Amino acid sequence: MQSRFTELIVTNNLLAILLALGIGCALALIFAAAVAFSSPAIVIAGLVALAAGAIIMTNIEYGLYAVLGIAILLPFASIPVNLGFNPTFLDLALLALFAMWFARAMTRQDENIERKFQFTFLGAPVIAFMVLAIFSFVIGMSHAGLQQQIVRQFAEILLAIATFFLIVNVVNTRARLERVVRLIIIAGSVSAVLGILFYFLPHDLTIRTLSLLRYVKYPDGPGVLRFINDDPAGTLRAVSTSVDPNVLGGLMILMAGLTAPQIFAVKKLLPRWIIFGSVAAMFLCLVLTFSRGAFLGFGVSLVVIAFFKYRRLLPILAVGAILFWFIPITQEYISHLLDAFAGADRATQMRLGEYQDAFTLISRYPIFGVGFLGSPDLDTYIGVSSVYLLMAEQMGLVGVAVFLLTMGIFFYRALLAWLDGLKNDATLSPILLGVCAALIGAMTAGVVDHYFFNLDFPHSVTLFWIFVGLGVTSMLLYQPEATLPNV
């Protein structure tokens, strides 16, 4: 009997060894084939991505961290496999996050997910805005054929707006809110430091370093460097990993606006020296983008922060503005800023031309716009450096009105909560103030820039609506929605 038992053990061990060898050989062949048909870097990146995906799927917070990290640090990264198109890392992360949210909400696997869906006071206008966008898209099909890329980009925008609902339902505890805001600040600081580093490194080294991202479908070569008026002999502009200096400037508005109130917070989310260093890096990075709209937007953010909570900052800001205006080292920047107001440089003149063309298109289709697929008239086109004019082109004045109404309700409810006592909450007040200041700064920059509602920049749209969700979450965590007056 014992001999028979020993024989069975030996046989089972032999089968296990053979099975392990078979799986190992199969994996080795797959790995070798992948290396042969692509490159070792792509294969290693794929393995890392699979491992990261497996980790992310174990915890919905990890999925949210992945979305934020990608949107801030690798917004244009795509998988290097052509499926008719190259899905972006952000697409995959968002889809995985929504899938996790629905699955866990249905099965109650996450103890922090409440049984009742949080629609919130902002749910109806957000849904109305999304429905109107779909309506305008369908209208646009009457004069333009479907294009796979635009359909995919439009779906990305809808998914980006829908992250609002994910945030208010998943980030539903103070601890989670603090962890998410802490992650945003850290990721924003890394992006700012990279922007500064790549700006001051020798151009050749910066080009070689940023060109490594070509494996995830980023641009490469000398074109990764951006200059004022696209003149390589002119002034360099910071890009970090955001490709476009203006997009990086918009990112810094959100990051710096959210972080700045933490300097004065009683209960800081990070050590004071990290907060100071982060704000300094973000401000310097923003300045180095030479994005005039972003600079003005961040200035408005600081004024909002000072006016509502830290009024002793107002004279400091005034002195800082005077110094910035007159010290020698900033004169090139000031000159660049004044050129915009005077319409003296090529970029400003091009924008003025875009605005005139946009008004022509809007005057012809003022109610619901022309959709997202193209203009029905040969003498007009979709595209203008302004969130509001671009929105009016695509969704009409009705679309702009619904968007402004949505944000108006948001800021109104934030003000009610603030006056009702949230301003005295040591943890929530700096978060809500930072979110509101960042969004006001972004909307200010949106007058002369377009990345917060643009098919080409879904990550910027995603971050905007994530911030809206974080603001609503801050209000809900302070006081239940039912106790606030209806709008």
Protein backbone atom coordinates (compact mmCIF):
# COMPACT_ATOMS: atom_id res chain seq x y z
CA MET A 1 0.00 0.00 0.00
CA GLN A 2 2.74 2.41 0.93
CA SER A 3 4.62 1.57 -2.28
CA ARG A 4 1.46 2.32 -4.28
CA PHE A 5 0.99 5.62 -2.46
CA THR A 6 4.61 6.60 -3.08
CA GLU A 7 4.19 5.75 -6.76
CA LEU A 8 1.14 8.02 -7.01
CA ILE A 9 3.02 10.89 -5.40
CA VAL A 10 5.94 10.49 -7.80
CA THR A 11 3.56 10.31 -10.76
CA ASN A 12 1.67 13.46 -9.65
CA ASN A 13 4.92 15.34 -9.09
CA LEU A 14 6.14 14.31 -12.52
CA LEU A 15 2.88 15.53 -14.10
CA ALA A 16 3.18 18.82 -12.22
CA ILE A 17 6.76 19.27 -13.41
CA LEU A 18 5.79 18.46 -17.00
CA LEU A 19 2.84 20.89 -16.81
CA ALA A 20 5.09 23.63 -15.40
CA LEU A 21 7.65 23.00 -18.13
CA GLY A 22 4.93 23.12 -20.78
CA ILE A 23 3.53 26.42 -19.48
CA GLY A 24 7.04 27.82 -19.16
CA CYS A 25 7.91 26.85 -22.74
CA ALA A 26 4.65 28.32 -24.03
CA LEU A 27 5.26 31.60 -22.20
CA ALA A 28 8.85 31.68 -23.43
CA LEU A 29 7.68 31.19 -27.03
CA ILE A 30 5.04 33.89 -26.68
CA PHE A 31 7.58 36.25 -25.13
CA ALA A 32 10.15 35.51 -27.85
CA ALA A 33 7.57 36.03 -30.60
CA ALA A 34 6.45 39.29 -29.06
CA VAL A 35 10.06 40.51 -28.88
CA ALA A 36 10.68 39.43 -32.47
CA PHE A 37 7.63 41.23 -33.86
CA SER A 38 7.90 44.35 -31.69
CA SER A 39 10.71 45.23 -29.29
CA PRO A 40 11.89 44.20 -25.81
CA ALA A 41 10.86 47.59 -24.42
CA ILE A 42 7.28 47.15 -25.62
CA VAL A 43 7.08 43.61 -24.27
CA ILE A 44 8.46 44.60 -20.88
CA ALA A 45 6.07 47.56 -20.76
CA GLY A 46 3.21 45.18 -21.59
CA LEU A 47 4.17 42.81 -18.79
CA VAL A 48 4.42 45.70 -16.35
CA ALA A 49 1.02 46.96 -17.52
CA LEU A 50 -0.52 43.50 -17.00
CA ALA A 51 0.93 43.29 -13.51
CA ALA A 52 -0.26 46.81 -12.71
CA GLY A 53 -3.70 45.99 -14.09
CA ALA A 54 -3.94 42.91 -11.90
CA ILE A 55 -3.06 44.98 -8.82
CA ILE A 56 -5.48 47.76 -9.76
CA MET A 57 -8.37 45.32 -10.16
CA THR A 58 -8.00 44.24 -6.53
CA ASN A 59 -9.01 47.65 -5.14
CA ILE A 60 -11.20 50.34 -6.66
CA GLU A 61 -9.07 53.06 -5.04
CA TYR A 62 -6.04 51.75 -6.91
CA GLY A 63 -8.06 52.06 -10.10
CA LEU A 64 -8.86 55.68 -9.28
CA TYR A 65 -5.20 56.35 -8.52
CA ALA A 66 -4.29 54.85 -11.90
CA VAL A 67 -6.75 57.14 -13.71
CA LEU A 68 -5.40 60.20 -11.92
CA GLY A 69 -1.77 59.21 -12.41
CA ILE A 70 -2.25 58.58 -16.13
CA ALA A 71 -4.30 61.75 -16.70
CA ILE A 72 -1.64 63.87 -14.99
CA LEU A 73 1.61 62.16 -15.97
CA LEU A 74 0.99 60.13 -19.16
CA PRO A 75 -2.15 61.65 -20.70
CA PHE A 76 -1.35 60.74 -24.32
CA ALA A 77 0.10 57.26 -23.77
CA SER A 78 -1.49 54.56 -25.93
CA ILE A 79 -0.94 50.83 -26.15
CA PRO A 80 1.47 50.07 -29.04
CA VAL A 81 -0.91 47.57 -30.62
CA ASN A 82 -3.12 48.61 -33.54
CA LEU A 83 -6.70 47.44 -33.04
CA GLY A 84 -7.96 49.65 -35.83
CA PHE A 85 -6.94 52.39 -33.39
CA ASN A 86 -4.58 52.57 -30.44
CA PRO A 87 -6.53 52.63 -27.15
CA THR A 88 -5.01 55.06 -24.69
CA PHE A 89 -3.95 54.07 -21.21
CA LEU A 90 -6.57 56.51 -19.93
CA ASP A 91 -9.33 54.81 -21.93
CA LEU A 92 -8.43 51.42 -20.51
CA ALA A 93 -8.05 52.73 -16.95
CA LEU A 94 -11.41 54.52 -17.06
CA LEU A 95 -13.21 51.51 -18.54
CA ALA A 96 -11.67 49.24 -15.92
CA LEU A 97 -12.59 51.67 -13.15
CA PHE A 98 -16.22 51.96 -14.27
CA ALA A 99 -16.43 48.18 -14.63
CA MET A 100 -15.08 47.73 -11.10
CA TRP A 101 -17.50 50.33 -9.75
CA PHE A 102 -20.55 48.70 -11.31
CA ALA A 103 -19.46 45.18 -10.34
CA ARG A 104 -18.70 46.09 -6.73
CA ALA A 105 -21.85 48.18 -6.39
CA MET A 106 -23.94 45.25 -7.64
CA THR A 107 -22.23 42.65 -5.45
CA ARG A 108 -21.59 44.92 -2.41
CA GLN A 109 -17.94 43.87 -2.36
CA ASP A 110 -16.78 47.30 -1.19
CA GLU A 111 -17.94 48.24 2.29
CA ASN A 112 -17.45 51.94 1.48
CA ILE A 113 -19.88 51.84 -1.46
CA GLU A 114 -23.29 52.86 -0.18
CA ARG A 115 -26.39 51.00 -1.25
CA LYS A 116 -28.02 54.19 -2.50
CA PHE A 117 -26.65 55.69 -5.70
CA GLN A 118 -25.49 59.26 -5.08
CA PHE A 119 -27.12 61.31 -7.83
CA THR A 120 -26.46 64.57 -5.93
CA PHE A 121 -27.83 68.03 -6.56
CA LEU A 122 -25.61 68.34 -9.66
CA GLY A 123 -26.67 65.06 -11.26
CA ALA A 124 -29.57 66.42 -13.31
CA PRO A 125 -27.66 69.29 -14.98
CA VAL A 126 -24.67 67.02 -15.69
CA ILE A 127 -26.96 64.45 -17.30
CA ALA A 128 -28.68 67.23 -19.24
CA PHE A 129 -25.32 68.44 -20.51
CA MET A 130 -24.35 64.93 -21.64
CA VAL A 131 -27.71 64.33 -23.33
CA LEU A 132 -27.45 67.65 -25.12
CA ALA A 133 -23.96 66.71 -26.32
CA ILE A 134 -25.33 63.44 -27.73
CA PHE A 135 -28.21 65.33 -29.35
CA SER A 136 -25.80 67.75 -31.03
CA PHE A 137 -23.63 64.85 -32.16
CA VAL A 138 -26.63 63.17 -33.82
CA ILE A 139 -27.63 66.46 -35.46
CA GLY A 140 -24.13 66.72 -36.89
CA MET A 141 -24.58 63.37 -38.62
CA SER A 142 -27.09 65.00 -40.97
CA HIS A 143 -24.33 66.88 -42.78
CA ALA A 144 -21.19 64.86 -42.06
CA GLY A 145 -20.41 61.19 -42.25
CA LEU A 146 -19.30 59.20 -39.23
CA GLN A 147 -15.58 59.04 -38.66
CA GLN A 148 -14.21 56.31 -36.44
CA GLN A 149 -11.69 58.56 -34.71
CA ILE A 150 -14.22 61.30 -33.89
CA VAL A 151 -16.79 58.77 -32.65
CA ARG A 152 -14.16 57.30 -30.34
CA GLN A 153 -13.05 60.73 -29.15
CA PHE A 154 -16.65 61.77 -28.48
CA ALA A 155 -17.18 58.59 -26.44
CA GLU A 156 -14.05 59.50 -24.45
CA ILE A 157 -15.51 62.93 -23.68
CA LEU A 158 -18.78 61.40 -22.46
CA LEU A 159 -16.81 58.97 -20.30
CA ALA A 160 -14.76 61.88 -18.96
CA ILE A 161 -17.87 63.82 -17.93
CA ALA A 162 -19.37 60.67 -16.38
CA THR A 163 -16.40 60.42 -14.00
CA PHE A 164 -18.28 63.01 -11.93
CA PHE A 165 -20.75 60.30 -10.87
CA LEU A 166 -17.97 57.83 -10.18
CA ILE A 167 -16.18 60.29 -7.90
CA VAL A 168 -19.22 61.24 -5.81
CA ASN A 169 -20.10 57.56 -5.31
CA VAL A 170 -16.63 56.10 -4.71
CA VAL A 171 -14.87 58.92 -2.86
CA ASN A 172 -17.49 58.89 -0.11
CA THR A 173 -15.44 59.06 3.08
CA ARG A 174 -13.14 61.73 4.44
CA ALA A 175 -10.24 59.30 4.46
CA ARG A 176 -10.71 58.49 0.79
CA LEU A 177 -11.09 62.14 -0.13
CA GLU A 178 -7.86 63.00 1.67
CA ARG A 179 -5.97 60.16 -0.01
CA VAL A 180 -7.21 61.14 -3.47
CA VAL A 181 -6.33 64.83 -3.02
CA ARG A 182 -2.93 63.84 -1.61
CA LEU A 183 -2.28 61.68 -4.70
CA ILE A 184 -3.29 64.54 -7.03
CA ILE A 185 -0.90 66.92 -5.30
CA ILE A 186 1.99 64.45 -5.51
CA ALA A 187 1.34 63.60 -9.16
CA GLY A 188 0.99 67.28 -10.03
CA SER A 189 4.28 68.02 -8.29
CA VAL A 190 6.04 65.29 -10.28
CA SER A 191 4.65 66.71 -13.52
CA ALA A 192 5.82 70.20 -12.56
CA VAL A 193 9.31 69.01 -11.63
CA LEU A 194 9.59 67.11 -14.91
CA GLY A 195 8.51 70.22 -16.80
CA ILE A 196 11.20 72.31 -15.08
CA LEU A 197 13.84 69.61 -15.49
CA PHE A 198 13.21 69.14 -19.22
CA TYR A 199 13.21 72.91 -19.68
CA PHE A 200 16.68 73.43 -18.21
CA LEU A 201 18.37 70.25 -19.44
CA PRO A 202 20.39 70.50 -22.67
CA HIS A 203 18.03 70.32 -25.61
CA ASP A 204 19.58 67.14 -27.02
CA LEU A 205 19.20 65.32 -23.73
CA THR A 206 15.61 66.48 -23.35
CA ILE A 207 14.79 65.31 -26.89
CA ARG A 208 16.35 61.88 -26.29
CA THR A 209 14.59 61.49 -22.95
CA LEU A 210 11.12 62.52 -24.12
CA SER A 211 11.54 60.49 -27.30
CA LEU A 212 11.64 57.33 -25.18
CA LEU A 213 7.89 57.77 -24.83
CA ARG A 214 7.50 56.92 -28.52
CA TYR A 215 6.96 53.32 -27.44
CA VAL A 216 3.60 54.44 -26.04
CA LYS A 217 2.75 56.50 -29.13
CA TYR A 218 4.09 59.85 -27.94
CA PRO A 219 5.76 62.13 -30.51
CA ASP A 220 9.53 61.93 -30.79
CA GLY A 221 12.41 63.84 -32.31
CA PRO A 222 13.08 67.60 -32.22
CA GLY A 223 9.33 68.28 -32.37
CA VAL A 224 8.99 67.36 -28.68
CA LEU A 225 10.45 70.79 -27.89
CA ARG A 226 8.00 73.65 -28.22
CA PHE A 227 8.85 77.32 -28.75
CA ILE A 228 6.99 80.61 -28.81
CA ASN A 229 5.53 81.10 -32.31
CA ASP A 230 7.04 77.70 -33.20
CA ASP A 231 10.37 79.41 -33.77
CA PRO A 232 13.29 77.11 -32.74
CA ALA A 233 15.47 80.19 -32.43
CA GLY A 234 13.01 81.74 -30.00
CA THR A 235 12.00 81.09 -26.40
CA LEU A 236 11.54 77.50 -25.25
CA ARG A 237 8.26 76.53 -23.55
CA ALA A 238 7.89 73.85 -20.88
CA VAL A 239 5.93 70.74 -21.87
CA SER A 240 6.71 68.06 -19.22
CA THR A 241 4.85 64.95 -20.47
CA SER A 242 1.82 66.96 -21.64
CA VAL A 243 3.14 67.48 -25.22
CA ASP A 244 1.50 70.91 -25.50
CA PRO A 245 2.64 73.89 -23.34
CA ASN A 246 -0.87 75.32 -23.06
CA VAL A 247 -2.25 71.97 -21.93
CA LEU A 248 0.51 71.79 -19.31
CA GLY A 249 -0.38 75.32 -18.21
CA GLY A 250 -4.02 74.27 -17.76
CA LEU A 251 -2.91 71.25 -15.75
CA MET A 252 -0.84 73.49 -13.49
CA ILE A 253 -3.87 75.71 -12.84
CA LEU A 254 -5.74 72.73 -11.44
CA MET A 255 -2.77 71.35 -9.52
CA ALA A 256 -1.56 74.64 -8.03
CA GLY A 257 -5.07 75.90 -7.31
CA LEU A 258 -5.86 72.73 -5.35
CA THR A 259 -2.53 72.73 -3.50
CA ALA A 260 -2.15 76.41 -2.55
CA PRO A 261 -4.73 76.44 0.32
CA GLN A 262 -2.86 73.56 1.96
CA ILE A 263 -0.07 76.02 2.81
CA PHE A 264 -2.35 77.66 5.38
CA ALA A 265 -4.44 74.62 6.35
CA VAL A 266 -4.57 73.70 10.03
CA LYS A 267 -4.58 70.00 9.11
CA LYS A 268 -2.27 69.66 6.15
CA LEU A 269 -2.49 66.62 3.90
CA LEU A 270 1.30 66.62 3.46
CA PRO A 271 4.24 68.08 5.40
CA ARG A 272 4.58 71.85 5.08
CA TRP A 273 7.90 71.68 3.20
CA ILE A 274 6.39 69.40 0.57
CA ILE A 275 3.41 71.71 0.14
CA PHE A 276 5.66 74.78 -0.22
CA GLY A 277 7.93 72.97 -2.66
CA SER A 278 4.98 71.68 -4.68
CA VAL A 279 3.34 75.10 -5.07
CA ALA A 280 6.69 76.68 -5.98
CA ALA A 281 7.41 74.00 -8.60
CA MET A 282 3.90 74.25 -10.05
CA PHE A 283 4.07 78.04 -10.30
CA LEU A 284 7.51 77.97 -11.91
CA CYS A 285 6.42 75.28 -14.35
CA LEU A 286 3.32 77.29 -15.24
CA VAL A 287 5.44 80.39 -15.88
CA LEU A 288 7.82 78.39 -18.08
CA THR A 289 4.94 77.24 -20.29
CA PHE A 290 4.54 80.89 -21.35
CA SER A 291 0.81 80.15 -21.47
CA ARG A 292 -0.76 83.56 -20.96
CA GLY A 293 -4.25 82.19 -20.43
CA ALA A 294 -3.01 79.76 -17.78
CA PHE A 295 -1.04 82.51 -16.04
CA LEU A 296 -4.10 84.75 -15.80
CA GLY A 297 -6.26 81.80 -14.74
CA PHE A 298 -3.91 80.93 -11.89
CA GLY A 299 -3.83 84.58 -10.85
CA VAL A 300 -7.62 84.52 -10.55
CA SER A 301 -7.34 81.30 -8.51
CA LEU A 302 -5.02 82.98 -6.02
CA VAL A 303 -7.36 85.96 -5.69
CA VAL A 304 -10.28 83.61 -4.96
CA ILE A 305 -8.25 81.78 -2.30
CA ALA A 306 -7.18 85.04 -0.67
CA PHE A 307 -10.62 86.67 -0.78
CA PHE A 308 -12.61 83.80 0.70
CA LYS A 309 -10.26 82.54 3.38
CA TYR A 310 -6.86 84.19 3.67
CA ARG A 311 -7.38 87.91 3.09
CA ARG A 312 -4.01 88.78 4.52
CA LEU A 313 -2.68 87.34 1.26
CA LEU A 314 -4.23 90.11 -0.84
CA PRO A 315 -1.50 92.72 -0.13
CA ILE A 316 1.15 90.01 -0.54
CA LEU A 317 -0.29 89.11 -3.94
CA ALA A 318 -0.34 92.79 -4.90
CA VAL A 319 3.32 93.24 -3.95
CA GLY A 320 4.24 90.00 -5.73
CA ALA A 321 2.46 91.13 -8.89
CA ILE A 322 4.31 94.46 -8.83
CA LEU A 323 7.67 92.74 -8.36
CA PHE A 324 6.90 90.23 -11.10
CA TRP A 325 6.02 93.10 -13.41
CA PHE A 326 9.22 95.08 -12.89
CA ILE A 327 12.10 92.71 -12.06
CA PRO A 328 14.48 92.18 -15.03
CA ILE A 329 14.26 88.39 -15.14
CA THR A 330 10.52 88.45 -15.97
CA GLN A 331 10.57 91.15 -18.64
CA GLU A 332 10.48 88.67 -21.53
CA TYR A 333 7.41 87.08 -19.99
CA ILE A 334 5.73 90.45 -19.41
CA SER A 335 6.49 91.45 -23.00
CA HIS A 336 4.92 88.20 -24.22
CA LEU A 337 1.85 88.91 -22.06
CA LEU A 338 1.48 92.48 -23.31
CA ASP A 339 1.73 91.29 -26.91
CA ALA A 340 -1.44 89.29 -26.32
CA PHE A 341 -3.41 92.30 -25.12
CA ALA A 342 -2.10 94.39 -28.00
CA GLY A 343 -2.68 91.65 -30.57
CA ALA A 344 0.90 92.17 -31.68
CA ASP A 345 2.13 88.59 -32.01
CA ARG A 346 1.26 85.93 -34.57
CA ALA A 347 -0.41 83.57 -32.08
CA THR A 348 -2.79 86.28 -30.86
CA GLN A 349 -3.60 87.40 -34.39
CA MET A 350 -4.40 83.82 -35.35
CA ARG A 351 -6.70 83.50 -32.35
CA LEU A 352 -8.50 86.71 -33.24
CA GLY A 353 -9.05 85.27 -36.70
CA GLU A 354 -10.38 82.06 -35.15
CA TYR A 355 -12.79 84.05 -32.96
CA GLN A 356 -14.17 85.90 -35.96
CA ASP A 357 -14.67 82.65 -37.87
CA ALA A 358 -16.28 81.07 -34.79
CA PHE A 359 -18.78 83.94 -34.46
CA THR A 360 -19.68 83.46 -38.12
CA LEU A 361 -20.39 79.76 -37.60
CA ILE A 362 -22.29 80.32 -34.34
CA SER A 363 -24.45 83.06 -35.89
CA ARG A 364 -25.59 80.57 -38.55
CA TYR A 365 -26.31 77.70 -36.13
CA PRO A 366 -26.92 79.41 -32.78
CA ILE A 367 -29.26 77.02 -30.98
CA PHE A 368 -27.77 73.50 -31.04
CA GLY A 369 -24.59 74.09 -33.03
CA VAL A 370 -23.29 71.87 -35.83
CA GLY A 371 -22.24 68.85 -33.79
CA PHE A 372 -18.79 67.34 -33.49
CA LEU A 373 -18.24 65.83 -36.95
CA GLY A 374 -17.61 68.92 -39.04
CA SER A 375 -19.12 72.13 -40.33
CA PRO A 376 -21.89 71.95 -42.96
CA ASP A 377 -20.49 75.02 -44.74
CA LEU A 378 -17.33 75.06 -46.80
CA ASP A 379 -16.34 78.52 -45.61
CA THR A 380 -16.42 77.63 -41.90
CA TYR A 381 -14.77 75.04 -39.67
CA ILE A 382 -14.94 73.68 -36.13
CA GLY A 383 -12.04 74.77 -33.98
CA VAL A 384 -11.26 77.83 -31.90
CA SER A 385 -9.03 78.59 -28.92
CA SER A 386 -11.86 79.14 -26.45
CA VAL A 387 -13.82 76.59 -24.47
CA TYR A 388 -17.02 78.60 -24.71
CA LEU A 389 -16.84 79.41 -28.42
CA LEU A 390 -15.87 75.81 -29.23
CA MET A 391 -18.78 74.56 -27.13
CA ALA A 392 -21.09 77.02 -28.88
CA GLU A 393 -19.90 75.79 -32.29
CA GLN A 394 -20.54 72.17 -31.40
CA MET A 395 -23.52 72.38 -29.01
CA GLY A 396 -24.92 75.84 -29.68
CA LEU A 397 -25.75 78.56 -27.20
CA VAL A 398 -28.04 76.08 -25.44
CA GLY A 399 -25.04 73.87 -24.70
CA VAL A 400 -23.02 76.79 -23.33
CA ALA A 401 -25.99 77.86 -21.20
CA VAL A 402 -26.43 74.36 -19.72
CA PHE A 403 -22.70 74.14 -18.95
CA LEU A 404 -22.66 77.56 -17.26
CA LEU A 405 -25.86 76.69 -15.38
CA THR A 406 -24.24 73.45 -14.16
CA MET A 407 -21.16 75.26 -12.91
CA GLY A 408 -23.29 78.07 -11.50
CA ILE A 409 -25.26 75.58 -9.40
CA PHE A 410 -21.98 74.02 -8.27
CA PHE A 411 -20.49 77.31 -7.10
CA TYR A 412 -23.79 78.42 -5.54
CA ARG A 413 -24.04 75.27 -3.46
CA ALA A 414 -20.37 75.53 -2.55
CA LEU A 415 -20.97 79.07 -1.30
CA LEU A 416 -23.99 77.94 0.74
CA ALA A 417 -21.98 75.13 2.33
CA TRP A 418 -19.06 77.49 2.94
CA LEU A 419 -21.21 80.08 4.71
CA ASP A 420 -23.05 77.36 6.61
CA GLY A 421 -19.86 76.44 8.44
CA LEU A 422 -17.74 74.33 6.10
CA LYS A 423 -15.17 77.14 6.07
CA ASN A 424 -14.40 76.20 9.68
CA ASP A 425 -13.78 72.53 8.94
CA ALA A 426 -10.02 72.09 9.25
CA THR A 427 -9.85 69.30 6.64
CA LEU A 428 -12.65 69.99 4.16
CA SER A 429 -12.35 73.79 3.90
CA PRO A 430 -8.91 73.87 2.20
CA ILE A 431 -9.97 71.05 -0.13
CA LEU A 432 -13.22 72.72 -1.22
CA LEU A 433 -11.55 76.11 -1.50
CA GLY A 434 -8.73 74.62 -3.58
CA VAL A 435 -11.15 72.78 -5.87
CA CYS A 436 -13.30 75.87 -6.43
CA ALA A 437 -10.28 78.12 -7.00
CA ALA A 438 -8.81 75.62 -9.46
CA LEU A 439 -12.08 75.34 -11.40
CA ILE A 440 -12.56 79.12 -11.51
CA GLY A 441 -9.00 79.47 -12.77
CA ALA A 442 -9.62 76.79 -15.41
CA MET A 443 -12.84 78.47 -16.54
CA THR A 444 -11.02 81.80 -16.74
CA ALA A 445 -8.28 80.29 -18.89
CA GLY A 446 -11.03 78.68 -20.97
CA VAL A 447 -11.90 82.08 -22.39
CA VAL A 448 -8.72 81.94 -24.50
CA ASP A 449 -7.94 78.20 -24.49
CA HIS A 450 -9.90 75.11 -25.43
CA TYR A 451 -8.41 72.04 -23.76
CA PHE A 452 -11.08 71.62 -21.04
CA PHE A 453 -13.68 70.79 -23.71
CA ASN A 454 -11.90 69.40 -26.70
CA LEU A 455 -12.03 65.99 -28.37
CA ASP A 456 -8.23 65.95 -28.60
CA PHE A 457 -7.69 66.37 -24.85
CA PRO A 458 -9.97 63.92 -23.00
CA HIS A 459 -7.60 63.84 -20.03
CA SER A 460 -8.14 67.57 -19.41
CA VAL A 461 -11.91 67.06 -19.57
CA THR A 462 -11.58 64.09 -17.20
CA LEU A 463 -9.58 66.09 -14.66
CA PHE A 464 -12.05 69.01 -14.83
CA TRP A 465 -15.02 66.79 -13.98
CA ILE A 466 -13.07 64.86 -11.37
CA PHE A 467 -12.47 68.20 -9.65
CA VAL A 468 -16.18 68.99 -9.86
CA GLY A 469 -16.88 65.60 -8.26
CA LEU A 470 -14.35 66.22 -5.49
CA GLY A 471 -15.97 69.57 -4.75
CA VAL A 472 -19.43 68.02 -4.47
CA THR A 473 -17.99 65.23 -2.33
CA SER A 474 -16.52 67.81 0.05
CA MET A 475 -19.94 69.40 0.44
CA LEU A 476 -21.72 66.09 0.98
CA LEU A 477 -19.22 64.91 3.56
CA TYR A 478 -19.72 68.07 5.56
CA GLN A 479 -23.53 68.17 5.44
CA PRO A 480 -26.07 65.76 3.91
CA GLU A 481 -27.52 66.96 0.66
CA ALA A 482 -31.07 66.81 2.01
CA THR A 483 -30.42 69.62 4.49
CA LEU A 484 -29.34 72.07 1.78
CA PRO A 485 -32.04 74.19 0.11
CA ASN A 486 -33.06 73.17 -3.37
CA VAL A 487 -31.97 75.21 -6.36
